[in-house]
């Protein structure tokens, strides 16, 4: 059985994402970040945290998302996407996540991923 000892609770990752045209919905009158795109940014940040720690031939996939979209973010906004690895249970990972803009909370919640082998 493969060991994933380098992946441990307490690890964090933070990145900046700019809200671009393909991230927004416009039916609100003003283009704002869509919830699915915010979740995509969160998932990517969580993946980026653990991927460098995995052995060759492994990656992670998301399987559960509990995210609340609390405030709008305008086109062009610089978002801080933060994640912390809370739990590691074998191949299953639990992350706390937060998206903010200049200290203003845009979204937060939890996300679960699992480590899988990449098929040949």
PDB file of N, CA and C in Angstrom:
ATOM      1  N   UNK A   1       0.835  -1.188   0.000  1.00  0.00           N
ATOM      2  CA  UNK A   1       0.000   0.000   0.000  1.00  0.00           C
ATOM      3  C   UNK A   1       0.880   1.251   0.000  1.00  0.00           C
ATOM      4  N   UNK A   2       0.535   2.227  -0.829  1.00  0.00           N
ATOM      5  CA  UNK A   2       1.295   3.472  -0.966  1.00  0.00           C
ATOM      6  C   UNK A   2       1.130   4.334   0.289  1.00  0.00           C
ATOM      7  N   UNK A   3       2.203   4.972   0.711  1.00  0.00           N
ATOM      8  CA  UNK A   3       2.174   5.872   1.862  1.00  0.00           C
ATOM      9  C   UNK A   3       2.105   7.327   1.382  1.00  0.00           C
ATOM     10  N   UNK A   4       1.313   8.114   2.092  1.00  0.00           N
ATOM     11  CA  UNK A   4       1.167   9.538   1.768  1.00  0.00           C
ATOM     12  C   UNK A   4       1.563  10.379   2.984  1.00  0.00           C
ATOM     13  N   UNK A   5       2.645   9.993   3.653  1.00  0.00           N
ATOM     14  CA  UNK A   5       3.070  10.626   4.905  1.00  0.00           C
ATOM     15  C   UNK A   5       3.369  12.114   4.781  1.00  0.00           C
ATOM     16  N   UNK A   6       3.755  12.583   3.606  1.00  0.00           N
ATOM     17  CA  UNK A   6       4.085  14.008   3.438  1.00  0.00           C
ATOM     18  C   UNK A   6       2.839  14.890   3.500  1.00  0.00           C
ATOM     19  N   UNK A   7       1.668  14.283   3.326  1.00  0.00           N
ATOM     20  CA  UNK A   7       0.401  15.019   3.357  1.00  0.00           C
ATOM     21  C   UNK A   7      -0.118  14.964   4.783  1.00  0.00           C
ATOM     22  N   UNK A   8      -0.085  16.101   5.484  1.00  0.00           N
ATOM     23  CA  UNK A   8      -0.472  16.094   6.896  1.00  0.00           C
ATOM     24  C   UNK A   8      -1.342  17.300   7.252  1.00  0.00           C
ATOM     25  N   UNK A   9      -2.166  17.104   8.253  1.00  0.00           N
ATOM     26  CA  UNK A   9      -3.048  18.174   8.729  1.00  0.00           C
ATOM     27  C   UNK A   9      -2.214  19.381   9.142  1.00  0.00           C
ATOM     28  N   UNK A  10      -2.776  20.561   8.905  1.00  0.00           N
ATOM     29  CA  UNK A  10      -2.118  21.805   9.273  1.00  0.00           C
ATOM     30  C   UNK A  10      -1.479  22.537   8.102  1.00  0.00           C
ATOM     31  N   UNK A  11      -1.258  21.838   6.996  1.00  0.00           N
ATOM     32  CA  UNK A  11      -0.674  22.483   5.823  1.00  0.00           C
ATOM     33  C   UNK A  11      -1.635  23.532   5.266  1.00  0.00           C
ATOM     34  N   UNK A  12      -1.082  24.633   4.755  1.00  0.00           N
ATOM     35  CA  UNK A  12      -1.913  25.694   4.189  1.00  0.00           C
ATOM     36  C   UNK A  12      -1.385  26.115   2.825  1.00  0.00           C
ATOM     37  N   UNK A  13      -2.280  26.731   2.078  1.00  0.00           N
ATOM     38  CA  UNK A  13      -1.919  27.260   0.760  1.00  0.00           C
ATOM     39  C   UNK A  13      -2.766  28.499   0.523  1.00  0.00           C
ATOM     40  N   UNK A  14      -2.164  29.490  -0.101  1.00  0.00           N
ATOM     41  CA  UNK A  14      -2.871  30.719  -0.432  1.00  0.00           C
ATOM     42  C   UNK A  14      -2.428  31.165  -1.812  1.00  0.00           C
ATOM     43  N   UNK A  15      -3.388  31.604  -2.620  1.00  0.00           N
ATOM     44  CA  UNK A  15      -3.057  32.092  -3.948  1.00  0.00           C
ATOM     45  C   UNK A  15      -3.989  33.240  -4.301  1.00  0.00           C
ATOM     46  N   UNK A  16      -3.615  33.994  -5.318  1.00  0.00           N
ATOM     47  CA  UNK A  16      -4.437  35.102  -5.794  1.00  0.00           C
ATOM     48  C   UNK A  16      -5.008  34.732  -7.146  1.00  0.00           C
ATOM     49  N   UNK A  17      -6.296  34.980  -7.309  1.00  0.00           N
ATOM     50  CA  UNK A  17      -6.973  34.765  -8.585  1.00  0.00           C
ATOM     51  C   UNK A  17      -7.706  36.040  -8.953  1.00  0.00           C
ATOM     52  N   UNK A  18      -7.612  36.431 -10.207  1.00  0.00           N
ATOM     53  CA  UNK A  18      -8.310  37.610 -10.717  1.00  0.00           C
ATOM     54  C   UNK A  18      -9.631  37.159 -11.341  1.00  0.00           C
ATOM     55  N   UNK A  19     -10.722  37.840 -10.992  1.00  0.00           N
ATOM     56  CA  UNK A  19     -12.019  37.525 -11.574  1.00  0.00           C
ATOM     57  C   UNK A  19     -12.017  38.000 -13.023  1.00  0.00           C
ATOM     58  N   UNK A  20     -12.080  37.041 -13.942  1.00  0.00           N
ATOM     59  CA  UNK A  20     -12.039  37.327 -15.369  1.00  0.00           C
ATOM     60  C   UNK A  20     -13.426  37.139 -15.992  1.00  0.00           C
ATOM     61  N   UNK A  21     -13.514  37.520 -17.238  1.00  0.00           N
ATOM     62  CA  UNK A  21     -14.787  37.459 -17.977  1.00  0.00           C
ATOM     63  C   UNK A  21     -15.446  36.075 -17.894  1.00  0.00           C
ATOM     64  N   UNK A  22     -14.644  35.027 -18.011  1.00  0.00           N
ATOM     65  CA  UNK A  22     -15.209  33.670 -17.994  1.00  0.00           C
ATOM     66  C   UNK A  22     -15.593  33.188 -16.594  1.00  0.00           C
ATOM     67  N   UNK A  23     -15.371  34.001 -15.565  1.00  0.00           N
ATOM     68  CA  UNK A  23     -15.716  33.652 -14.184  1.00  0.00           C
ATOM     69  C   UNK A  23     -17.031  34.270 -13.722  1.00  0.00           C
ATOM     70  N   UNK A  24     -17.630  35.122 -14.540  1.00  0.00           N
ATOM     71  CA  UNK A  24     -18.766  35.924 -14.060  1.00  0.00           C
ATOM     72  C   UNK A  24     -20.090  35.529 -14.702  1.00  0.00           C
ATOM     73  N   UNK A  25     -21.148  35.922 -14.002  1.00  0.00           N
ATOM     74  CA  UNK A  25     -22.497  35.893 -14.560  1.00  0.00           C
ATOM     75  C   UNK A  25     -22.914  37.353 -14.727  1.00  0.00           C
ATOM     76  N   UNK A  26     -23.735  37.611 -15.710  1.00  0.00           N
ATOM     77  CA  UNK A  26     -24.106  39.003 -15.958  1.00  0.00           C
ATOM     78  C   UNK A  26     -25.603  39.261 -15.845  1.00  0.00           C
ATOM     79  N   UNK A  27     -26.396  38.232 -15.566  1.00  0.00           N
ATOM     80  CA  UNK A  27     -27.838  38.423 -15.447  1.00  0.00           C
ATOM     81  C   UNK A  27     -28.216  39.239 -14.208  1.00  0.00           C
ATOM     82  N   UNK A  28     -27.224  39.556 -13.386  1.00  0.00           N
ATOM     83  CA  UNK A  28     -27.449  40.351 -12.174  1.00  0.00           C
ATOM     84  C   UNK A  28     -27.417  41.847 -12.458  1.00  0.00           C
ATOM     85  N   UNK A  29     -27.119  42.233 -13.679  1.00  0.00           N
ATOM     86  CA  UNK A  29     -27.004  43.644 -14.032  1.00  0.00           C
ATOM     87  C   UNK A  29     -25.563  44.114 -14.023  1.00  0.00           C
ATOM     88  N   UNK A  30     -24.796  43.640 -13.078  1.00  0.00           N
ATOM     89  CA  UNK A  30     -23.359  43.913 -12.988  1.00  0.00           C
ATOM     90  C   UNK A  30     -22.654  42.569 -13.004  1.00  0.00           C
ATOM     91  N   UNK A  31     -21.630  42.392 -13.824  1.00  0.00           N
ATOM     92  CA  UNK A  31     -20.932  41.100 -13.851  1.00  0.00           C
ATOM     93  C   UNK A  31     -20.286  40.787 -12.496  1.00  0.00           C
ATOM     94  N   UNK A  32     -20.645  39.633 -11.936  1.00  0.00           N
ATOM     95  CA  UNK A  32     -20.088  39.207 -10.648  1.00  0.00           C
ATOM     96  C   UNK A  32     -19.651  37.751 -10.727  1.00  0.00           C
ATOM     97  N   UNK A  33     -18.735  37.395  -9.857  1.00  0.00           N
ATOM     98  CA  UNK A  33     -18.200  36.038  -9.780  1.00  0.00           C
ATOM     99  C   UNK A  33     -19.335  35.035  -9.582  1.00  0.00           C
ATOM    100  N   UNK A  34     -19.343  33.988 -10.408  1.00  0.00           N
ATOM    101  CA  UNK A  34     -20.357  32.942 -10.250  1.00  0.00           C
ATOM    102  C   UNK A  34     -19.923  31.977  -9.143  1.00  0.00           C
ATOM    103  N   UNK A  35     -20.898  31.374  -8.510  1.00  0.00           N
ATOM    104  CA  UNK A  35     -20.605  30.408  -7.452  1.00  0.00           C
ATOM    105  C   UNK A  35     -19.823  29.205  -7.975  1.00  0.00           C
ATOM    106  N   UNK A  36     -20.200  28.615  -9.117  1.00  0.00           N
ATOM    107  CA  UNK A  36     -19.398  27.482  -9.611  1.00  0.00           C
ATOM    108  C   UNK A  36     -17.934  27.850  -9.870  1.00  0.00           C
ATOM    109  N   UNK A  37     -17.676  29.052 -10.344  1.00  0.00           N
ATOM    110  CA  UNK A  37     -16.287  29.443 -10.601  1.00  0.00           C
ATOM    111  C   UNK A  37     -15.526  29.668  -9.296  1.00  0.00           C
ATOM    112  N   UNK A  38     -16.196  30.201  -8.266  1.00  0.00           N
ATOM    113  CA  UNK A  38     -15.551  30.349  -6.964  1.00  0.00           C
ATOM    114  C   UNK A  38     -15.184  28.972  -6.408  1.00  0.00           C
ATOM    115  N   UNK A  39     -16.102  28.021  -6.539  1.00  0.00           N
ATOM    116  CA  UNK A  39     -15.831  26.667  -6.069  1.00  0.00           C
ATOM    117  C   UNK A  39     -14.668  26.058  -6.852  1.00  0.00           C
ATOM    118  N   UNK A  40     -14.609  26.302  -8.141  1.00  0.00           N
ATOM    119  CA  UNK A  40     -13.501  25.812  -8.956  1.00  0.00           C
ATOM    120  C   UNK A  40     -12.161  26.364  -8.459  1.00  0.00           C
ATOM    121  N   UNK A  41     -12.140  27.645  -8.104  1.00  0.00           N
ATOM    122  CA  UNK A  41     -10.912  28.255  -7.573  1.00  0.00           C
ATOM    123  C   UNK A  41     -10.496  27.591  -6.264  1.00  0.00           C
ATOM    124  N   UNK A  42     -11.475  27.299  -5.408  1.00  0.00           N
ATOM    125  CA  UNK A  42     -11.208  26.638  -4.130  1.00  0.00           C
ATOM    126  C   UNK A  42     -10.664  25.233  -4.367  1.00  0.00           C
ATOM    127  N   UNK A  43     -11.308  24.488  -5.260  1.00  0.00           N
ATOM    128  CA  UNK A  43     -10.851  23.132  -5.550  1.00  0.00           C
ATOM    129  C   UNK A  43      -9.416  23.128  -6.066  1.00  0.00           C
ATOM    130  N   UNK A  44      -9.114  24.074  -6.944  1.00  0.00           N
ATOM    131  CA  UNK A  44      -7.755  24.150  -7.501  1.00  0.00           C
ATOM    132  C   UNK A  44      -6.728  24.468  -6.419  1.00  0.00           C
ATOM    133  N   UNK A  45      -7.059  25.382  -5.512  1.00  0.00           N
ATOM    134  CA  UNK A  45      -6.133  25.725  -4.420  1.00  0.00           C
ATOM    135  C   UNK A  45      -5.859  24.501  -3.542  1.00  0.00           C
ATOM    136  N   UNK A  46      -6.894  23.729  -3.236  1.00  0.00           N
ATOM    137  CA  UNK A  46      -6.712  22.524  -2.423  1.00  0.00           C
ATOM    138  C   UNK A  46      -5.845  21.502  -3.158  1.00  0.00           C
ATOM    139  N   UNK A  47      -6.100  21.321  -4.440  1.00  0.00           N
ATOM    140  CA  UNK A  47      -5.294  20.402  -5.234  1.00  0.00           C
ATOM    141  C   UNK A  47      -3.833  20.865  -5.266  1.00  0.00           C
ATOM    142  N   UNK A  48      -3.626  22.165  -5.494  1.00  0.00           N
ATOM    143  CA  UNK A  48      -2.263  22.704  -5.570  1.00  0.00           C
ATOM    144  C   UNK A  48      -1.505  22.544  -4.256  1.00  0.00           C
ATOM    145  N   UNK A  49      -2.220  22.536  -3.133  1.00  0.00           N
ATOM    146  CA  UNK A  49      -1.563  22.351  -1.833  1.00  0.00           C
ATOM    147  C   UNK A  49      -0.929  20.966  -1.731  1.00  0.00           C
ATOM    148  N   UNK A  50      -1.667  19.928  -2.108  1.00  0.00           N
ATOM    149  CA  UNK A  50      -1.166  18.573  -1.872  1.00  0.00           C
ATOM    150  C   UNK A  50      -0.435  17.932  -3.055  1.00  0.00           C
ATOM    151  N   UNK A  51      -0.709  18.369  -4.270  1.00  0.00           N
ATOM    152  CA  UNK A  51      -0.120  17.700  -5.440  1.00  0.00           C
ATOM    153  C   UNK A  51       1.406  17.571  -5.367  1.00  0.00           C
ATOM    154  N   UNK A  52       2.145  18.629  -4.974  1.00  0.00           N
ATOM    155  CA  UNK A  52       3.610  18.485  -4.928  1.00  0.00           C
ATOM    156  C   UNK A  52       4.103  17.482  -3.876  1.00  0.00           C
ATOM    157  N   UNK A  53       3.229  17.103  -2.944  1.00  0.00           N
ATOM    158  CA  UNK A  53       3.611  16.187  -1.867  1.00  0.00           C
ATOM    159  C   UNK A  53       3.301  14.728  -2.185  1.00  0.00           C
ATOM    160  N   UNK A  54       2.602  14.497  -3.284  1.00  0.00           N
ATOM    161  CA  UNK A  54       2.197  13.142  -3.644  1.00  0.00           C
ATOM    162  C   UNK A  54       3.277  12.429  -4.450  1.00  0.00           C
ATOM    163  N   UNK A  55       3.339  11.118  -4.309  1.00  0.00           N
ATOM    164  CA  UNK A  55       4.279  10.355  -5.135  1.00  0.00           C
ATOM    165  C   UNK A  55       3.885  10.466  -6.612  1.00  0.00           C
ATOM    166  N   UNK A  56       4.836  10.242  -7.481  1.00  0.00           N
ATOM    167  CA  UNK A  56       4.555  10.230  -8.920  1.00  0.00           C
ATOM    168  C   UNK A  56       3.441   9.229  -9.195  1.00  0.00           C
ATOM    169  N   UNK A  57       2.554   9.588 -10.100  1.00  0.00           N
ATOM    170  CA  UNK A  57       1.478   8.686 -10.473  1.00  0.00           C
ATOM    171  C   UNK A  57       0.217   8.825  -9.645  1.00  0.00           C
ATOM    172  N   UNK A  58       0.156   9.858  -8.775  1.00  0.00           N
ATOM    173  CA  UNK A  58      -1.030  10.089  -7.948  1.00  0.00           C
ATOM    174  C   UNK A  58      -1.512  11.529  -8.090  1.00  0.00           C
ATOM    175  N   UNK A  59      -2.787  11.717  -7.892  1.00  0.00           N
ATOM    176  CA  UNK A  59      -3.391  13.050  -7.885  1.00  0.00           C
ATOM    177  C   UNK A  59      -4.565  13.025  -6.911  1.00  0.00           C
ATOM    178  N   UNK A  60      -5.315  14.122  -6.841  1.00  0.00           N
ATOM    179  CA  UNK A  60      -6.508  14.149  -6.004  1.00  0.00           C
ATOM    180  C   UNK A  60      -7.715  14.547  -6.843  1.00  0.00           C
ATOM    181  N   UNK A  61      -8.889  14.106  -6.395  1.00  0.00           N
ATOM    182  CA  UNK A  61     -10.153  14.522  -6.993  1.00  0.00           C
ATOM    183  C   UNK A  61     -11.092  14.939  -5.869  1.00  0.00           C
ATOM    184  N   UNK A  62     -11.896  15.956  -6.157  1.00  0.00           N
ATOM    185  CA  UNK A  62     -12.868  16.411  -5.177  1.00  0.00           C
ATOM    186  C   UNK A  62     -14.097  15.533  -5.190  1.00  0.00           C
ATOM    187  N   UNK A  63     -14.704  15.353  -4.000  1.00  0.00           N
ATOM    188  CA  UNK A  63     -15.940  14.571  -3.947  1.00  0.00           C
ATOM    189  C   UNK A  63     -17.004  15.171  -3.034  1.00  0.00           C
ATOM    190  N   UNK A  64     -16.689  16.268  -2.358  1.00  0.00           N
ATOM    191  CA  UNK A  64     -17.704  16.912  -1.523  1.00  0.00           C
ATOM    192  C   UNK A  64     -17.340  18.380  -1.346  1.00  0.00           C
ATOM    193  N   UNK A  65     -18.356  19.236  -1.471  1.00  0.00           N
ATOM    194  CA  UNK A  65     -18.150  20.673  -1.331  1.00  0.00           C
ATOM    195  C   UNK A  65     -19.272  21.250  -0.461  1.00  0.00           C
ATOM    196  N   UNK A  66     -18.898  21.974   0.580  1.00  0.00           N
ATOM    197  CA  UNK A  66     -19.844  22.727   1.408  1.00  0.00           C
ATOM    198  C   UNK A  66     -19.317  24.160   1.481  1.00  0.00           C
ATOM    199  N   UNK A  67     -19.710  24.964   0.518  1.00  0.00           N
ATOM    200  CA  UNK A  67     -19.196  26.328   0.392  1.00  0.00           C
ATOM    201  C   UNK A  67     -20.375  27.299   0.391  1.00  0.00           C
ATOM    202  N   UNK A  68     -20.268  28.349   1.152  1.00  0.00           N
ATOM    203  CA  UNK A  68     -21.270  29.414   1.128  1.00  0.00           C
ATOM    204  C   UNK A  68     -20.689  30.610   0.394  1.00  0.00           C
ATOM    205  N   UNK A  69     -21.414  31.088  -0.604  1.00  0.00           N
ATOM    206  CA  UNK A  69     -21.027  32.278  -1.358  1.00  0.00           C
ATOM    207  C   UNK A  69     -21.710  33.455  -0.663  1.00  0.00           C
ATOM    208  N   UNK A  70     -20.934  34.262   0.060  1.00  0.00           N
ATOM    209  CA  UNK A  70     -21.499  35.251   0.977  1.00  0.00           C
ATOM    210  C   UNK A  70     -21.566  36.672   0.444  1.00  0.00           C
ATOM    211  N   UNK A  71     -20.760  36.986  -0.569  1.00  0.00           N
ATOM    212  CA  UNK A  71     -20.728  38.362  -1.076  1.00  0.00           C
ATOM    213  C   UNK A  71     -20.275  38.345  -2.527  1.00  0.00           C
ATOM    214  N   UNK A  72     -20.664  39.367  -3.291  1.00  0.00           N
ATOM    215  CA  UNK A  72     -20.256  39.412  -4.699  1.00  0.00           C
ATOM    216  C   UNK A  72     -18.801  39.858  -4.851  1.00  0.00           C
ATOM    217  N   UNK A  73     -18.221  39.458  -5.950  1.00  0.00           N
ATOM    218  CA  UNK A  73     -16.900  39.944  -6.345  1.00  0.00           C
ATOM    219  C   UNK A  73     -17.018  40.402  -7.792  1.00  0.00           C
ATOM    220  N   UNK A  74     -16.605  41.605  -8.066  1.00  0.00           N
ATOM    221  CA  UNK A  74     -16.745  42.226  -9.383  1.00  0.00           C
ATOM    222  C   UNK A  74     -15.682  41.720 -10.356  1.00  0.00           C
ATOM    223  N   UNK A  75     -15.982  41.871 -11.619  1.00  0.00           N
ATOM    224  CA  UNK A  75     -15.027  41.595 -12.673  1.00  0.00           C
ATOM    225  C   UNK A  75     -13.745  42.374 -12.393  1.00  0.00           C
ATOM    226  N   UNK A  76     -12.599  41.708 -12.447  1.00  0.00           N
ATOM    227  CA  UNK A  76     -11.314  42.355 -12.195  1.00  0.00           C
ATOM    228  C   UNK A  76     -10.847  42.289 -10.753  1.00  0.00           C
ATOM    229  N   UNK A  77     -11.697  41.818  -9.844  1.00  0.00           N
ATOM    230  CA  UNK A  77     -11.314  41.746  -8.427  1.00  0.00           C
ATOM    231  C   UNK A  77     -10.169  40.759  -8.233  1.00  0.00           C
ATOM    232  N   UNK A  78      -9.261  41.102  -7.324  1.00  0.00           N
ATOM    233  CA  UNK A  78      -8.172  40.207  -6.932  1.00  0.00           C
ATOM    234  C   UNK A  78      -8.626  39.437  -5.694  1.00  0.00           C
ATOM    235  N   UNK A  79      -8.801  38.135  -5.855  1.00  0.00           N
ATOM    236  CA  UNK A  79      -9.290  37.301  -4.766  1.00  0.00           C
ATOM    237  C   UNK A  79      -8.145  36.541  -4.112  1.00  0.00           C
ATOM    238  N   UNK A  80      -8.192  36.456  -2.801  1.00  0.00           N
ATOM    239  CA  UNK A  80      -7.267  35.619  -2.045  1.00  0.00           C
ATOM    240  C   UNK A  80      -8.005  34.313  -1.766  1.00  0.00           C
ATOM    241  N   UNK A  81      -7.477  33.225  -2.285  1.00  0.00           N
ATOM    242  CA  UNK A  81      -8.067  31.905  -2.089  1.00  0.00           C
ATOM    243  C   UNK A  81      -7.151  31.152  -1.124  1.00  0.00           C
ATOM    244  N   UNK A  82      -7.709  30.775   0.028  1.00  0.00           N
ATOM    245  CA  UNK A  82      -6.938  30.157   1.109  1.00  0.00           C
ATOM    246  C   UNK A  82      -7.528  28.798   1.440  1.00  0.00           C
ATOM    247  N   UNK A  83      -6.655  27.829   1.708  1.00  0.00           N
ATOM    248  CA  UNK A  83      -7.124  26.534   2.196  1.00  0.00           C
ATOM    249  C   UNK A  83      -6.161  26.006   3.259  1.00  0.00           C
ATOM    250  N   UNK A  84      -6.748  25.260   4.182  1.00  0.00           N
ATOM    251  CA  UNK A  84      -5.978  24.591   5.245  1.00  0.00           C
ATOM    252  C   UNK A  84      -6.428  23.136   5.276  1.00  0.00           C
ATOM    253  N   UNK A  85      -5.468  22.231   5.283  1.00  0.00           N
ATOM    254  CA  UNK A  85      -5.773  20.813   5.384  1.00  0.00           C
ATOM    255  C   UNK A  85      -6.080  20.486   6.844  1.00  0.00           C
ATOM    256  N   UNK A  86      -7.328  20.131   7.119  1.00  0.00           N
ATOM    257  CA  UNK A  86      -7.771  19.881   8.488  1.00  0.00           C
ATOM    258  C   UNK A  86      -7.575  18.439   8.930  1.00  0.00           C
ATOM    259  N   UNK A  87      -7.895  17.494   8.034  1.00  0.00           N
ATOM    260  CA  UNK A  87      -7.850  16.080   8.394  1.00  0.00           C
ATOM    261  C   UNK A  87      -7.297  15.255   7.241  1.00  0.00           C
ATOM    262  N   UNK A  88      -6.550  14.225   7.625  1.00  0.00           N
ATOM    263  CA  UNK A  88      -6.077  13.233   6.663  1.00  0.00           C
ATOM    264  C   UNK A  88      -6.465  11.868   7.220  1.00  0.00           C
ATOM    265  N   UNK A  89      -7.325  11.163   6.503  1.00  0.00           N
ATOM    266  CA  UNK A  89      -7.733   9.816   6.900  1.00  0.00           C
ATOM    267  C   UNK A  89      -7.407   8.874   5.746  1.00  0.00           C
ATOM    268  N   UNK A  90      -6.216   8.311   5.779  1.00  0.00           N
ATOM    269  CA  UNK A  90      -5.771   7.485   4.662  1.00  0.00           C
ATOM    270  C   UNK A  90      -5.640   8.334   3.416  1.00  0.00           C
ATOM    271  N   UNK A  91      -6.473   8.053   2.410  1.00  0.00           N
ATOM    272  CA  UNK A  91      -6.444   8.819   1.164  1.00  0.00           C
ATOM    273  C   UNK A  91      -7.425   9.982   1.176  1.00  0.00           C
ATOM    274  N   UNK A  92      -8.274  10.078   2.182  1.00  0.00           N
ATOM    275  CA  UNK A  92      -9.311  11.119   2.234  1.00  0.00           C
ATOM    276  C   UNK A  92      -8.811  12.362   2.969  1.00  0.00           C
ATOM    277  N   UNK A  93      -9.079  13.522   2.361  1.00  0.00           N
ATOM    278  CA  UNK A  93      -8.572  14.799   2.865  1.00  0.00           C
ATOM    279  C   UNK A  93      -9.735  15.764   3.085  1.00  0.00           C
ATOM    280  N   UNK A  94      -9.695  16.505   4.197  1.00  0.00           N
ATOM    281  CA  UNK A  94     -10.696  17.530   4.485  1.00  0.00           C
ATOM    282  C   UNK A  94      -9.997  18.879   4.605  1.00  0.00           C
ATOM    283  N   UNK A  95     -10.503  19.866   3.857  1.00  0.00           N
ATOM    284  CA  UNK A  95      -9.931  21.211   3.828  1.00  0.00           C
ATOM    285  C   UNK A  95     -10.933  22.235   4.352  1.00  0.00           C
ATOM    286  N   UNK A  96     -10.443  23.239   5.065  1.00  0.00           N
ATOM    287  CA  UNK A  96     -11.211  24.456   5.350  1.00  0.00           C
ATOM    288  C   UNK A  96     -10.796  25.452   4.282  1.00  0.00           C
ATOM    289  N   UNK A  97     -11.773  26.192   3.748  1.00  0.00           N
ATOM    290  CA  UNK A  97     -11.475  27.108   2.655  1.00  0.00           C
ATOM    291  C   UNK A  97     -12.058  28.489   2.917  1.00  0.00           C
ATOM    292  N   UNK A  98     -11.424  29.480   2.314  1.00  0.00           N
ATOM    293  CA  UNK A  98     -11.900  30.867   2.432  1.00  0.00           C
ATOM    294  C   UNK A  98     -11.492  31.632   1.176  1.00  0.00           C
ATOM    295  N   UNK A  99     -12.411  32.437   0.670  1.00  0.00           N
ATOM    296  CA  UNK A  99     -12.132  33.327  -0.457  1.00  0.00           C
ATOM    297  C   UNK A  99     -12.446  34.730   0.021  1.00  0.00           C
ATOM    298  N   UNK A 100     -11.509  35.646  -0.178  1.00  0.00           N
ATOM    299  CA  UNK A 100     -11.722  37.023   0.275  1.00  0.00           C
ATOM    300  C   UNK A 100     -11.175  38.003  -0.756  1.00  0.00           C
ATOM    301  N   UNK A 101     -11.635  39.237  -0.612  1.00  0.00           N
ATOM    302  CA  UNK A 101     -11.147  40.331  -1.458  1.00  0.00           C
ATOM    303  C   UNK A 101     -10.831  41.503  -0.541  1.00  0.00           C
ATOM    304  N   UNK A 102      -9.565  41.850  -0.437  1.00  0.00           N
ATOM    305  CA  UNK A 102      -9.120  42.956   0.412  1.00  0.00           C
ATOM    306  C   UNK A 102      -9.690  42.823   1.831  1.00  0.00           C
ATOM    307  N   UNK A 103      -9.657  41.597   2.370  1.00  0.00           N
ATOM    308  CA  UNK A 103     -10.133  41.357   3.725  1.00  0.00           C
ATOM    309  C   UNK A 103     -11.635  41.128   3.849  1.00  0.00           C
ATOM    310  N   UNK A 104     -12.377  41.322   2.773  1.00  0.00           N
ATOM    311  CA  UNK A 104     -13.835  41.130   2.793  1.00  0.00           C
ATOM    312  C   UNK A 104     -14.139  39.683   2.393  1.00  0.00           C
ATOM    313  N   UNK A 105     -14.903  38.984   3.223  1.00  0.00           N
ATOM    314  CA  UNK A 105     -15.213  37.586   2.973  1.00  0.00           C
ATOM    315  C   UNK A 105     -16.159  37.444   1.786  1.00  0.00           C
ATOM    316  N   UNK A 106     -15.747  36.645   0.801  1.00  0.00           N
ATOM    317  CA  UNK A 106     -16.558  36.358  -0.383  1.00  0.00           C
ATOM    318  C   UNK A 106     -17.221  34.987  -0.236  1.00  0.00           C
ATOM    319  N   UNK A 107     -16.483  34.008   0.270  1.00  0.00           N
ATOM    320  CA  UNK A 107     -17.019  32.669   0.459  1.00  0.00           C
ATOM    321  C   UNK A 107     -16.159  31.874   1.419  1.00  0.00           C
ATOM    322  N   UNK A 108     -16.779  30.842   2.013  1.00  0.00           N
ATOM    323  CA  UNK A 108     -16.030  29.978   2.926  1.00  0.00           C
ATOM    324  C   UNK A 108     -16.749  28.652   3.071  1.00  0.00           C
ATOM    325  N   UNK A 109     -16.013  27.662   3.555  1.00  0.00           N
ATOM    326  CA  UNK A 109     -16.622  26.364   3.782  1.00  0.00           C
ATOM    327  C   UNK A 109     -15.591  25.266   3.877  1.00  0.00           C
ATOM    328  N   UNK A 110     -16.026  24.068   3.517  1.00  0.00           N
ATOM    329  CA  UNK A 110     -15.139  22.902   3.543  1.00  0.00           C
ATOM    330  C   UNK A 110     -15.194  22.183   2.203  1.00  0.00           C
ATOM    331  N   UNK A 111     -14.145  21.435   1.967  1.00  0.00           N
ATOM    332  CA  UNK A 111     -14.023  20.680   0.712  1.00  0.00           C
ATOM    333  C   UNK A 111     -13.302  19.380   1.025  1.00  0.00           C
ATOM    334  N   UNK A 112     -13.794  18.282   0.460  1.00  0.00           N
ATOM    335  CA  UNK A 112     -13.143  16.976   0.621  1.00  0.00           C
ATOM    336  C   UNK A 112     -12.599  16.500  -0.723  1.00  0.00           C
ATOM    337  N   UNK A 113     -11.404  15.928  -0.653  1.00  0.00           N
ATOM    338  CA  UNK A 113     -10.758  15.347  -1.815  1.00  0.00           C
ATOM    339  C   UNK A 113     -10.234  13.972  -1.410  1.00  0.00           C
ATOM    340  N   UNK A 114      -9.978  13.139  -2.410  1.00  0.00           N
ATOM    341  CA  UNK A 114      -9.349  11.854  -2.153  1.00  0.00           C
ATOM    342  C   UNK A 114      -8.178  11.664  -3.103  1.00  0.00           C
ATOM    343  N   UNK A 115      -7.172  10.970  -2.618  1.00  0.00           N
ATOM    344  CA  UNK A 115      -5.981  10.676  -3.417  1.00  0.00           C
ATOM    345  C   UNK A 115      -6.256   9.433  -4.251  1.00  0.00           C
ATOM    346  N   UNK A 116      -5.963   9.544  -5.550  1.00  0.00           N
ATOM    347  CA  UNK A 116      -6.183   8.409  -6.452  1.00  0.00           C
ATOM    348  C   UNK A 116      -4.952   8.198  -7.334  1.00  0.00           C
ATOM    349  N   UNK A 117      -4.756   6.965  -7.790  1.00  0.00           N
ATOM    350  CA  UNK A 117      -3.689   6.729  -8.776  1.00  0.00           C
ATOM    351  C   UNK A 117      -4.142   7.265 -10.134  1.00  0.00           C
ATOM    352  N   UNK A 118      -3.217   7.807 -10.880  1.00  0.00           N
ATOM    353  CA  UNK A 118      -3.499   8.254 -12.247  1.00  0.00           C
ATOM    354  C   UNK A 118      -3.406   7.023 -13.141  1.00  0.00           C
ATOM    355  N   UNK A 119      -4.489   6.731 -13.885  1.00  0.00           N
ATOM    356  CA  UNK A 119      -4.447   5.547 -14.760  1.00  0.00           C
ATOM    357  C   UNK A 119      -3.345   5.660 -15.814  1.00  0.00           C
ATOM    358  N   UNK A 120      -2.751   4.536 -16.144  1.00  0.00           N
ATOM    359  CA  UNK A 120      -1.710   4.504 -17.183  1.00  0.00           C
ATOM    360  C   UNK A 120      -2.308   4.707 -18.540  1.00  0.00           C
TER     361      UNK A 120
END
